[in-house]
Amino acid sequence: MSTASRLPQIVSRITSRLPVTVDSAVRRLAVLSLIGQTLLVVTGGAVRLTASGLGCPTWPRCTSGSLVNTPEMGIHGFIEFGNRLLTFALAAVAVLMLVYLWNLRKERKDLFLLALGLLASIPAQAVIGGITVLTRLNPWVVGLHFLVSMALVVFATLLVNRAYGRTGRFMDHALPALPGVLRPVMTAVAVFSAVAVMLGVVVTGAGPHAGDANAPRNDLDWDLFSHIHAVPAYLITAGTLFACYLVLRRHISGPFRAAVLMLLGVTLLQALIGFTQYYNGIPALLVGAHMLGAALLMSAATNAADIARYSPAR
């Protein structure tokens, strides 16, 4: 029997060993995807903040004669190529997720489509990264690269929630009822978080950390846009504090309480980092921490809004 004629049997044997329910392996892969997308933000920040943006000066190769960085390129080449390698690890996680969900692709289309979207983003991010290098770190292209990463953090957060049955059509248990006002408030907080991140990209494009000494800047007023960037941050804080007040006043327990308290912690930490870096000359380490905080904020805001959406109203 030829290999081609045996292929259906081989495929059937493989698929018979794959999960028919959302098991611990699927859940671990979902969490790993969220961690990986967050780590990609951190390594991307390291590339920019160490002036390694052109550590690999060409694309898709690292140099005109090598796919990988060479010892002569020093630490900058290592940092930039390491960031590129992480995308392959994320692709592997996304492929594994799709494989494990194969028998559930119709029943759990929500998980399958989210995993598929995360996988499809890998080549898209690679292309944007390539354009970033070829345009010599144009700040608007660099910003787009970062914003796509933020969107992927959102999708990965939703994937984790669905995989654990916290939200969606296949929730493991009913969520406690919430005051009706909390759903629009948490949606607004999530929207303001996205706006704050987008304005943060504009601020960064005007600031000193370009990724390379010769990279262009967007020529906008950094100080002015820093203050504009703070406006949605104030609204996020106000909305989160209001949600915490209702949670404590109405004795709300369960996942939403934990989500709001986590969001409050991330919000206050981001505010502290933001003010500290502003008044201390924008040190690179604090900028990197602020970028990590942005990813955590998007994840926490998405989580709280997602839970609020699927909670019944009182």
C-alpha atoms as a PDB file:
ATOM      1  CA  MET A   1       0.000   0.000   0.000  1.00  0.00           C
ATOM      2  CA  SER A   2       1.429   3.376  -1.004  1.00  0.00           C
ATOM      3  CA  THR A   3       2.008   6.190   1.451  1.00  0.00           C
ATOM      4  CA  ALA A   4      -0.669   8.275  -0.275  1.00  0.00           C
ATOM      5  CA  SER A   5      -3.300   5.551   0.125  1.00  0.00           C
ATOM      6  CA  ARG A   6      -2.360   5.094   3.790  1.00  0.00           C
ATOM      7  CA  LEU A   7      -2.565   8.818   4.543  1.00  0.00           C
ATOM      8  CA  PRO A   8      -6.258   8.816   5.609  1.00  0.00           C
ATOM      9  CA  GLN A   9      -5.540   6.001   8.065  1.00  0.00           C
ATOM     10  CA  ILE A  10      -2.534   7.849   9.471  1.00  0.00           C
ATOM     11  CA  VAL A  11      -4.557  11.049   9.872  1.00  0.00           C
ATOM     12  CA  SER A  12      -7.421   9.128  11.483  1.00  0.00           C
ATOM     13  CA  ARG A  13      -5.014   7.473  13.929  1.00  0.00           C
ATOM     14  CA  ILE A  14      -3.552  10.853  14.897  1.00  0.00           C
ATOM     15  CA  THR A  15      -6.893  12.622  15.307  1.00  0.00           C
ATOM     16  CA  SER A  16      -8.228   9.745  17.421  1.00  0.00           C
ATOM     17  CA  ARG A  17      -5.588  10.604  20.014  1.00  0.00           C
ATOM     18  CA  LEU A  18      -6.459  14.290  20.134  1.00  0.00           C
ATOM     19  CA  PRO A  19      -8.765  15.723  22.829  1.00  0.00           C
ATOM     20  CA  VAL A  20     -12.534  15.638  22.350  1.00  0.00           C
ATOM     21  CA  THR A  21     -13.056  18.050  25.246  1.00  0.00           C
ATOM     22  CA  VAL A  22     -11.235  21.185  26.364  1.00  0.00           C
ATOM     23  CA  ASP A  23      -8.643  19.589  28.612  1.00  0.00           C
ATOM     24  CA  SER A  24      -5.694  20.817  30.663  1.00  0.00           C
ATOM     25  CA  ALA A  25      -3.351  20.729  27.643  1.00  0.00           C
ATOM     26  CA  VAL A  26      -5.586  23.145  25.713  1.00  0.00           C
ATOM     27  CA  ARG A  27      -5.821  25.427  28.724  1.00  0.00           C
ATOM     28  CA  ARG A  28      -2.057  25.414  29.263  1.00  0.00           C
ATOM     29  CA  LEU A  29      -1.481  26.293  25.598  1.00  0.00           C
ATOM     30  CA  ALA A  30      -3.927  29.204  25.912  1.00  0.00           C
ATOM     31  CA  VAL A  31      -2.057  30.554  28.937  1.00  0.00           C
ATOM     32  CA  LEU A  32       1.265  30.001  27.166  1.00  0.00           C
ATOM     33  CA  SER A  33      -0.034  31.993  24.215  1.00  0.00           C
ATOM     34  CA  LEU A  34      -0.943  34.933  26.471  1.00  0.00           C
ATOM     35  CA  ILE A  35       2.440  34.802  28.194  1.00  0.00           C
ATOM     36  CA  GLY A  36       4.194  34.626  24.834  1.00  0.00           C
ATOM     37  CA  GLN A  37       2.331  37.607  23.381  1.00  0.00           C
ATOM     38  CA  THR A  38       3.157  39.631  26.495  1.00  0.00           C
ATOM     39  CA  LEU A  39       6.790  38.549  26.321  1.00  0.00           C
ATOM     40  CA  LEU A  40       6.905  39.659  22.681  1.00  0.00           C
ATOM     41  CA  VAL A  41       5.970  43.169  23.838  1.00  0.00           C
ATOM     42  CA  VAL A  42       8.805  43.081  26.373  1.00  0.00           C
ATOM     43  CA  THR A  43      11.422  41.858  23.887  1.00  0.00           C
ATOM     44  CA  GLY A  44      10.210  44.391  21.318  1.00  0.00           C
ATOM     45  CA  GLY A  45      10.696  47.071  23.957  1.00  0.00           C
ATOM     46  CA  ALA A  46      14.194  45.761  24.659  1.00  0.00           C
ATOM     47  CA  VAL A  47      15.022  46.076  20.950  1.00  0.00           C
ATOM     48  CA  ARG A  48      13.976  49.718  20.921  1.00  0.00           C
ATOM     49  CA  LEU A  49      15.375  50.736  24.293  1.00  0.00           C
ATOM     50  CA  THR A  50      18.819  49.226  23.673  1.00  0.00           C
ATOM     51  CA  ALA A  51      19.040  50.931  20.240  1.00  0.00           C
ATOM     52  CA  SER A  52      18.985  47.494  18.600  1.00  0.00           C
ATOM     53  CA  GLY A  53      16.232  48.295  16.122  1.00  0.00           C
ATOM     54  CA  LEU A  54      18.617  47.869  13.210  1.00  0.00           C
ATOM     55  CA  GLY A  55      20.662  45.139  14.882  1.00  0.00           C
ATOM     56  CA  CYS A  56      19.561  43.052  11.898  1.00  0.00           C
ATOM     57  CA  PRO A  57      19.793  45.704   9.167  1.00  0.00           C
ATOM     58  CA  THR A  58      17.927  43.738   6.484  1.00  0.00           C
ATOM     59  CA  TRP A  59      14.795  41.597   6.190  1.00  0.00           C
ATOM     60  CA  PRO A  60      13.890  38.738   5.950  1.00  0.00           C
ATOM     61  CA  ARG A  61      17.586  37.909   6.420  1.00  0.00           C
ATOM     62  CA  CYS A  62      19.442  39.327   9.385  1.00  0.00           C
ATOM     63  CA  THR A  63      22.216  40.492   7.070  1.00  0.00           C
ATOM     64  CA  SER A  64      22.585  40.395   3.303  1.00  0.00           C
ATOM     65  CA  GLY A  65      24.586  37.186   3.646  1.00  0.00           C
ATOM     66  CA  SER A  66      23.136  35.503   6.734  1.00  0.00           C
ATOM     67  CA  LEU A  67      19.735  34.434   7.996  1.00  0.00           C
ATOM     68  CA  VAL A  68      20.939  34.750  11.586  1.00  0.00           C
ATOM     69  CA  ASN A  69      22.949  37.288  13.484  1.00  0.00           C
ATOM     70  CA  THR A  70      26.727  36.985  13.419  1.00  0.00           C
ATOM     71  CA  PRO A  71      29.256  37.524  16.231  1.00  0.00           C
ATOM     72  CA  GLU A  72      30.502  40.680  14.493  1.00  0.00           C
ATOM     73  CA  MET A  73      27.084  42.280  14.980  1.00  0.00           C
ATOM     74  CA  GLY A  74      27.507  42.231  18.747  1.00  0.00           C
ATOM     75  CA  ILE A  75      24.750  42.506  21.338  1.00  0.00           C
ATOM     76  CA  HIS A  76      22.424  44.557  19.119  1.00  0.00           C
ATOM     77  CA  GLY A  77      22.246  41.801  16.515  1.00  0.00           C
ATOM     78  CA  PHE A  78      21.626  39.224  19.237  1.00  0.00           C
ATOM     79  CA  ILE A  79      18.755  41.238  20.765  1.00  0.00           C
ATOM     80  CA  GLU A  80      17.059  41.973  17.442  1.00  0.00           C
ATOM     81  CA  PHE A  81      17.390  38.406  16.133  1.00  0.00           C
ATOM     82  CA  GLY A  82      16.177  37.028  19.486  1.00  0.00           C
ATOM     83  CA  ASN A  83      13.005  39.084  19.116  1.00  0.00           C
ATOM     84  CA  ARG A  84      12.506  37.657  15.626  1.00  0.00           C
ATOM     85  CA  LEU A  85      12.987  34.103  16.933  1.00  0.00           C
ATOM     86  CA  LEU A  86      10.239  34.559  19.517  1.00  0.00           C
ATOM     87  CA  THR A  87       7.677  34.826  16.724  1.00  0.00           C
ATOM     88  CA  PHE A  88       8.547  31.266  15.676  1.00  0.00           C
ATOM     89  CA  ALA A  89       7.911  30.055  19.219  1.00  0.00           C
ATOM     90  CA  LEU A  90       4.527  31.811  19.200  1.00  0.00           C
ATOM     91  CA  ALA A  91       3.731  30.218  15.843  1.00  0.00           C
ATOM     92  CA  ALA A  92       4.558  26.790  17.283  1.00  0.00           C
ATOM     93  CA  VAL A  93       2.210  27.386  20.237  1.00  0.00           C
ATOM     94  CA  ALA A  94      -0.586  28.520  17.896  1.00  0.00           C
ATOM     95  CA  VAL A  95      -0.116  25.478  15.636  1.00  0.00           C
ATOM     96  CA  LEU A  96      -0.181  23.135  18.624  1.00  0.00           C
ATOM     97  CA  MET A  97      -3.347  24.836  19.845  1.00  0.00           C
ATOM     98  CA  LEU A  98      -5.038  24.266  16.477  1.00  0.00           C
ATOM     99  CA  VAL A  99      -3.913  20.625  16.429  1.00  0.00           C
ATOM    100  CA  TYR A 100      -5.271  20.007  19.915  1.00  0.00           C
ATOM    101  CA  LEU A 101      -8.545  21.702  18.973  1.00  0.00           C
ATOM    102  CA  TRP A 102      -8.957  19.814  15.689  1.00  0.00           C
ATOM    103  CA  ASN A 103     -11.644  17.443  16.984  1.00  0.00           C
ATOM    104  CA  LEU A 104     -13.398  20.446  18.555  1.00  0.00           C
ATOM    105  CA  ARG A 105     -13.166  22.790  15.567  1.00  0.00           C
ATOM    106  CA  LYS A 106     -16.941  22.724  15.012  1.00  0.00           C
ATOM    107  CA  GLU A 107     -18.174  22.376  18.564  1.00  0.00           C
ATOM    108  CA  ARG A 108     -15.767  24.982  19.952  1.00  0.00           C
ATOM    109  CA  LYS A 109     -15.479  27.278  16.975  1.00  0.00           C
ATOM    110  CA  ASP A 110     -14.858  30.171  19.377  1.00  0.00           C
ATOM    111  CA  LEU A 111     -11.557  28.673  20.529  1.00  0.00           C
ATOM    112  CA  PHE A 112     -10.562  27.431  17.083  1.00  0.00           C
ATOM    113  CA  LEU A 113     -11.075  30.823  15.421  1.00  0.00           C
ATOM    114  CA  LEU A 114      -9.199  32.692  18.149  1.00  0.00           C
ATOM    115  CA  ALA A 115      -6.275  30.265  17.851  1.00  0.00           C
ATOM    116  CA  LEU A 116      -6.394  30.554  14.061  1.00  0.00           C
ATOM    117  CA  GLY A 117      -6.346  34.345  14.308  1.00  0.00           C
ATOM    118  CA  LEU A 118      -3.297  34.232  16.583  1.00  0.00           C
ATOM    119  CA  LEU A 119      -1.507  31.976  14.096  1.00  0.00           C
ATOM    120  CA  ALA A 120      -2.467  34.181  11.134  1.00  0.00           C
ATOM    121  CA  SER A 121      -1.031  37.182  12.963  1.00  0.00           C
ATOM    122  CA  ILE A 122       2.482  35.721  12.940  1.00  0.00           C
ATOM    123  CA  PRO A 123       3.211  36.326   9.238  1.00  0.00           C
ATOM    124  CA  ALA A 124       1.384  39.671   9.447  1.00  0.00           C
ATOM    125  CA  GLN A 125       3.630  40.750  12.325  1.00  0.00           C
ATOM    126  CA  ALA A 126       6.672  39.506  10.428  1.00  0.00           C
ATOM    127  CA  VAL A 127       5.755  41.612   7.403  1.00  0.00           C
ATOM    128  CA  ILE A 128       5.174  44.717   9.543  1.00  0.00           C
ATOM    129  CA  GLY A 129       8.484  44.043  11.282  1.00  0.00           C
ATOM    130  CA  GLY A 130      10.164  43.810   7.892  1.00  0.00           C
ATOM    131  CA  ILE A 131       8.643  47.117   6.788  1.00  0.00           C
ATOM    132  CA  THR A 132       9.874  48.608  10.065  1.00  0.00           C
ATOM    133  CA  VAL A 133      13.445  47.636   9.230  1.00  0.00           C
ATOM    134  CA  LEU A 134      13.210  48.610   5.553  1.00  0.00           C
ATOM    135  CA  THR A 135      11.843  52.073   6.479  1.00  0.00           C
ATOM    136  CA  ARG A 136      14.710  52.494   8.963  1.00  0.00           C
ATOM    137  CA  LEU A 137      12.405  52.463  11.984  1.00  0.00           C
ATOM    138  CA  ASN A 138       9.732  54.862  10.809  1.00  0.00           C
ATOM    139  CA  PRO A 139       7.941  55.705  14.099  1.00  0.00           C
ATOM    140  CA  TRP A 140       4.453  55.185  12.655  1.00  0.00           C
ATOM    141  CA  VAL A 141       5.341  51.702  11.391  1.00  0.00           C
ATOM    142  CA  VAL A 142       7.027  50.879  14.701  1.00  0.00           C
ATOM    143  CA  GLY A 143       3.851  52.046  16.435  1.00  0.00           C
ATOM    144  CA  LEU A 144       1.682  49.833  14.219  1.00  0.00           C
ATOM    145  CA  HIS A 145       3.899  46.874  15.109  1.00  0.00           C
ATOM    146  CA  PHE A 146       3.282  47.576  18.804  1.00  0.00           C
ATOM    147  CA  LEU A 147      -0.474  48.085  18.389  1.00  0.00           C
ATOM    148  CA  VAL A 148      -0.853  44.744  16.616  1.00  0.00           C
ATOM    149  CA  SER A 149       0.913  43.134  19.573  1.00  0.00           C
ATOM    150  CA  MET A 150      -1.581  44.820  21.904  1.00  0.00           C
ATOM    151  CA  ALA A 151      -4.487  43.443  19.857  1.00  0.00           C
ATOM    152  CA  LEU A 152      -2.973  39.959  20.097  1.00  0.00           C
ATOM    153  CA  VAL A 153      -2.749  40.292  23.879  1.00  0.00           C
ATOM    154  CA  VAL A 154      -6.495  41.018  23.837  1.00  0.00           C
ATOM    155  CA  PHE A 155      -7.248  37.964  21.678  1.00  0.00           C
ATOM    156  CA  ALA A 156      -5.023  35.749  23.833  1.00  0.00           C
ATOM    157  CA  THR A 157      -6.835  36.962  26.971  1.00  0.00           C
ATOM    158  CA  LEU A 158     -10.193  36.050  25.425  1.00  0.00           C
ATOM    159  CA  LEU A 159      -8.747  32.668  24.452  1.00  0.00           C
ATOM    160  CA  VAL A 160      -7.755  31.996  28.064  1.00  0.00           C
ATOM    161  CA  ASN A 161     -11.191  33.014  29.357  1.00  0.00           C
ATOM    162  CA  ARG A 162     -12.974  30.776  26.842  1.00  0.00           C
ATOM    163  CA  ALA A 163     -10.612  27.845  27.405  1.00  0.00           C
ATOM    164  CA  TYR A 164     -11.218  27.972  31.162  1.00  0.00           C
ATOM    165  CA  GLY A 165     -14.968  28.375  30.737  1.00  0.00           C
ATOM    166  CA  ARG A 166     -14.959  31.733  32.490  1.00  0.00           C
ATOM    167  CA  THR A 167     -16.914  33.516  29.739  1.00  0.00           C
ATOM    168  CA  GLY A 168     -18.577  32.749  26.418  1.00  0.00           C
ATOM    169  CA  ARG A 169     -21.281  30.278  25.389  1.00  0.00           C
ATOM    170  CA  PHE A 170     -19.593  27.393  27.175  1.00  0.00           C
ATOM    171  CA  MET A 171     -19.192  28.802  30.681  1.00  0.00           C
ATOM    172  CA  ASP A 172     -18.605  26.212  33.383  1.00  0.00           C
ATOM    173  CA  HIS A 173     -20.976  27.964  35.791  1.00  0.00           C
ATOM    174  CA  ALA A 174     -23.187  31.028  35.917  1.00  0.00           C
ATOM    175  CA  LEU A 175     -21.564  34.302  36.928  1.00  0.00           C
ATOM    176  CA  PRO A 176     -22.973  36.352  39.841  1.00  0.00           C
ATOM    177  CA  ALA A 177     -25.343  39.164  38.874  1.00  0.00           C
ATOM    178  CA  LEU A 178     -23.846  42.655  38.633  1.00  0.00           C
ATOM    179  CA  PRO A 179     -25.392  46.124  38.801  1.00  0.00           C
ATOM    180  CA  GLY A 180     -26.459  47.005  35.263  1.00  0.00           C
ATOM    181  CA  VAL A 181     -24.223  50.076  35.134  1.00  0.00           C
ATOM    182  CA  LEU A 182     -21.049  47.992  35.398  1.00  0.00           C
ATOM    183  CA  ARG A 183     -21.239  46.528  31.899  1.00  0.00           C
ATOM    184  CA  PRO A 184     -21.019  49.893  30.053  1.00  0.00           C
ATOM    185  CA  VAL A 185     -18.496  51.191  32.592  1.00  0.00           C
ATOM    186  CA  MET A 186     -16.132  48.251  32.040  1.00  0.00           C
ATOM    187  CA  THR A 187     -16.597  48.464  28.283  1.00  0.00           C
ATOM    188  CA  ALA A 188     -15.652  52.146  28.476  1.00  0.00           C
ATOM    189  CA  VAL A 189     -12.593  51.308  30.599  1.00  0.00           C
ATOM    190  CA  ALA A 190     -11.467  48.782  27.973  1.00  0.00           C
ATOM    191  CA  VAL A 191     -11.984  51.343  25.175  1.00  0.00           C
ATOM    192  CA  PHE A 192     -10.102  54.048  27.098  1.00  0.00           C
ATOM    193  CA  SER A 193      -7.287  51.547  27.699  1.00  0.00           C
ATOM    194  CA  ALA A 194      -6.976  51.065  23.940  1.00  0.00           C
ATOM    195  CA  VAL A 195      -7.036  54.839  23.381  1.00  0.00           C
ATOM    196  CA  ALA A 196      -4.342  55.344  26.041  1.00  0.00           C
ATOM    197  CA  VAL A 197      -2.144  52.738  24.348  1.00  0.00           C
ATOM    198  CA  MET A 198      -2.608  54.358  20.926  1.00  0.00           C
ATOM    199  CA  LEU A 199      -1.734  57.796  22.298  1.00  0.00           C
ATOM    200  CA  GLY A 200       1.223  56.228  24.089  1.00  0.00           C
ATOM    201  CA  VAL A 201       2.500  55.105  20.676  1.00  0.00           C
ATOM    202  CA  VAL A 202       2.349  58.736  19.480  1.00  0.00           C
ATOM    203  CA  VAL A 203       4.231  59.905  22.589  1.00  0.00           C
ATOM    204  CA  THR A 204       6.901  57.248  22.092  1.00  0.00           C
ATOM    205  CA  GLY A 205       7.266  58.230  18.433  1.00  0.00           C
ATOM    206  CA  ALA A 206       8.077  61.763  19.549  1.00  0.00           C
ATOM    207  CA  GLY A 207      10.394  60.717  22.378  1.00  0.00           C
ATOM    208  CA  PRO A 208      14.085  59.843  22.524  1.00  0.00           C
ATOM    209  CA  HIS A 209      13.900  56.034  22.390  1.00  0.00           C
ATOM    210  CA  ALA A 210      13.814  55.504  18.634  1.00  0.00           C
ATOM    211  CA  GLY A 211      15.553  52.132  18.452  1.00  0.00           C
ATOM    212  CA  ASP A 212      18.556  53.589  16.624  1.00  0.00           C
ATOM    213  CA  ALA A 213      20.501  56.839  16.852  1.00  0.00           C
ATOM    214  CA  ASN A 214      19.652  57.749  13.254  1.00  0.00           C
ATOM    215  CA  ALA A 215      15.991  56.691  13.264  1.00  0.00           C
ATOM    216  CA  PRO A 216      13.425  59.383  12.381  1.00  0.00           C
ATOM    217  CA  ARG A 217      10.951  60.838  14.871  1.00  0.00           C
ATOM    218  CA  ASN A 218       7.353  61.937  14.224  1.00  0.00           C
ATOM    219  CA  ASP A 219       8.228  65.593  15.021  1.00  0.00           C
ATOM    220  CA  LEU A 220       5.221  66.083  17.310  1.00  0.00           C
ATOM    221  CA  ASP A 221       5.319  67.901  20.642  1.00  0.00           C
ATOM    222  CA  TRP A 222       6.284  65.159  23.097  1.00  0.00           C
ATOM    223  CA  ASP A 223       5.260  67.105  26.197  1.00  0.00           C
ATOM    224  CA  LEU A 224       1.860  68.078  24.776  1.00  0.00           C
ATOM    225  CA  PHE A 225       1.002  64.532  23.713  1.00  0.00           C
ATOM    226  CA  SER A 226       2.188  63.196  27.069  1.00  0.00           C
ATOM    227  CA  HIS A 227      -0.521  65.287  28.713  1.00  0.00           C
ATOM    228  CA  ILE A 228      -3.109  64.210  26.120  1.00  0.00           C
ATOM    229  CA  HIS A 229      -2.071  60.596  26.720  1.00  0.00           C
ATOM    230  CA  ALA A 230      -2.814  61.083  30.428  1.00  0.00           C
ATOM    231  CA  VAL A 231      -6.488  61.992  29.820  1.00  0.00           C
ATOM    232  CA  PRO A 232      -7.752  58.447  29.005  1.00  0.00           C
ATOM    233  CA  ALA A 233      -5.510  57.185  31.821  1.00  0.00           C
ATOM    234  CA  TYR A 234      -7.452  59.374  34.271  1.00  0.00           C
ATOM    235  CA  LEU A 235     -10.734  58.031  32.851  1.00  0.00           C
ATOM    236  CA  ILE A 236      -9.521  54.438  33.213  1.00  0.00           C
ATOM    237  CA  THR A 237      -8.640  55.104  36.842  1.00  0.00           C
ATOM    238  CA  ALA A 238     -11.994  56.783  37.532  1.00  0.00           C
ATOM    239  CA  GLY A 239     -13.984  53.949  35.928  1.00  0.00           C
ATOM    240  CA  THR A 240     -11.996  51.286  37.756  1.00  0.00           C
ATOM    241  CA  LEU A 241     -12.359  53.035  41.114  1.00  0.00           C
ATOM    242  CA  PHE A 242     -16.108  53.338  40.537  1.00  0.00           C
ATOM    243  CA  ALA A 243     -16.319  49.619  39.749  1.00  0.00           C
ATOM    244  CA  CYS A 244     -14.314  48.798  42.888  1.00  0.00           C
ATOM    245  CA  TYR A 245     -16.644  50.978  44.963  1.00  0.00           C
ATOM    246  CA  LEU A 246     -19.688  49.065  43.700  1.00  0.00           C
ATOM    247  CA  VAL A 247     -17.975  45.722  44.196  1.00  0.00           C
ATOM    248  CA  LEU A 248     -17.221  46.529  47.820  1.00  0.00           C
ATOM    249  CA  ARG A 249     -20.491  48.364  48.515  1.00  0.00           C
ATOM    250  CA  ARG A 250     -22.672  45.596  47.043  1.00  0.00           C
ATOM    251  CA  HIS A 251     -20.474  42.768  48.406  1.00  0.00           C
ATOM    252  CA  ILE A 252     -19.929  41.341  44.920  1.00  0.00           C
ATOM    253  CA  SER A 253     -17.741  38.249  44.950  1.00  0.00           C
ATOM    254  CA  GLY A 254     -16.421  35.829  42.381  1.00  0.00           C
ATOM    255  CA  PRO A 255     -14.497  36.362  39.124  1.00  0.00           C
ATOM    256  CA  PHE A 256     -15.596  39.958  38.564  1.00  0.00           C
ATOM    257  CA  ARG A 257     -14.360  41.087  41.981  1.00  0.00           C
ATOM    258  CA  ALA A 258     -10.964  39.489  41.309  1.00  0.00           C
ATOM    259  CA  ALA A 259     -10.854  40.977  37.793  1.00  0.00           C
ATOM    260  CA  VAL A 260     -11.614  44.524  38.986  1.00  0.00           C
ATOM    261  CA  LEU A 261      -9.108  44.392  41.839  1.00  0.00           C
ATOM    262  CA  MET A 262      -6.462  43.113  39.440  1.00  0.00           C
ATOM    263  CA  LEU A 263      -7.316  45.908  37.014  1.00  0.00           C
ATOM    264  CA  LEU A 264      -7.038  48.473  39.808  1.00  0.00           C
ATOM    265  CA  GLY A 265      -3.595  47.175  40.757  1.00  0.00           C
ATOM    266  CA  VAL A 266      -2.337  47.318  37.168  1.00  0.00           C
ATOM    267  CA  THR A 267      -3.847  50.770  36.617  1.00  0.00           C
ATOM    268  CA  LEU A 268      -2.239  52.264  39.717  1.00  0.00           C
ATOM    269  CA  LEU A 269       1.098  50.650  38.881  1.00  0.00           C
ATOM    270  CA  GLN A 270       0.969  52.074  35.348  1.00  0.00           C
ATOM    271  CA  ALA A 271       0.146  55.517  36.717  1.00  0.00           C
ATOM    272  CA  LEU A 272       3.077  55.333  39.140  1.00  0.00           C
ATOM    273  CA  ILE A 273       5.487  54.267  36.388  1.00  0.00           C
ATOM    274  CA  GLY A 274       4.143  56.906  34.004  1.00  0.00           C
ATOM    275  CA  PHE A 275       4.513  59.792  36.422  1.00  0.00           C
ATOM    276  CA  THR A 276       7.940  58.602  37.592  1.00  0.00           C
ATOM    277  CA  GLN A 277       9.355  58.322  34.083  1.00  0.00           C
ATOM    278  CA  TYR A 278       7.892  61.687  33.069  1.00  0.00           C
ATOM    279  CA  TYR A 279       9.555  63.529  35.947  1.00  0.00           C
ATOM    280  CA  ASN A 280      12.867  61.662  35.715  1.00  0.00           C
ATOM    281  CA  GLY A 281      13.882  62.145  32.110  1.00  0.00           C
ATOM    282  CA  ILE A 282      12.234  59.042  30.608  1.00  0.00           C
ATOM    283  CA  PRO A 283      14.826  56.427  31.651  1.00  0.00           C
ATOM    284  CA  ALA A 284      14.861  53.376  29.378  1.00  0.00           C
ATOM    285  CA  LEU A 285      14.201  50.864  32.164  1.00  0.00           C
ATOM    286  CA  LEU A 286      11.008  52.642  33.234  1.00  0.00           C
ATOM    287  CA  VAL A 287       9.874  52.967  29.610  1.00  0.00           C
ATOM    288  CA  GLY A 288      10.290  49.198  29.268  1.00  0.00           C
ATOM    289  CA  ALA A 289       8.294  48.662  32.452  1.00  0.00           C
ATOM    290  CA  HIS A 290       5.592  50.983  31.091  1.00  0.00           C
ATOM    291  CA  MET A 291       5.392  48.905  27.884  1.00  0.00           C
ATOM    292  CA  LEU A 292       4.961  45.727  29.929  1.00  0.00           C
ATOM    293  CA  GLY A 293       2.343  47.559  31.984  1.00  0.00           C
ATOM    294  CA  ALA A 294       0.482  48.479  28.794  1.00  0.00           C
ATOM    295  CA  ALA A 295       0.201  44.798  27.868  1.00  0.00           C
ATOM    296  CA  LEU A 296      -0.961  43.923  31.381  1.00  0.00           C
ATOM    297  CA  LEU A 297      -3.465  46.785  31.317  1.00  0.00           C
ATOM    298  CA  MET A 298      -4.975  45.648  28.013  1.00  0.00           C
ATOM    299  CA  SER A 299      -5.244  42.092  29.318  1.00  0.00           C
ATOM    300  CA  ALA A 300      -6.755  43.134  32.669  1.00  0.00           C
ATOM    301  CA  ALA A 301      -9.228  45.575  31.070  1.00  0.00           C
ATOM    302  CA  THR A 302     -10.266  42.962  28.498  1.00  0.00           C
ATOM    303  CA  ASN A 303     -10.742  40.373  31.211  1.00  0.00           C
ATOM    304  CA  ALA A 304     -12.912  42.649  33.377  1.00  0.00           C
ATOM    305  CA  ALA A 305     -15.022  43.823  30.427  1.00  0.00           C
ATOM    306  CA  ASP A 306     -15.414  40.247  29.173  1.00  0.00           C
ATOM    307  CA  ILE A 307     -16.644  38.998  32.549  1.00  0.00           C
ATOM    308  CA  ALA A 308     -18.999  41.960  32.920  1.00  0.00           C
ATOM    309  CA  ARG A 309     -20.442  41.251  29.478  1.00  0.00           C
ATOM    310  CA  TYR A 310     -21.402  37.691  30.409  1.00  0.00           C
ATOM    311  CA  SER A 311     -22.646  38.503  33.911  1.00  0.00           C
ATOM    312  CA  PRO A 312     -26.420  38.933  34.324  1.00  0.00           C
ATOM    313  CA  ALA A 313     -27.652  42.344  35.429  1.00  0.00           C
ATOM    314  CA  ARG A 314     -29.329  42.864  38.786  1.00  0.00           C
END
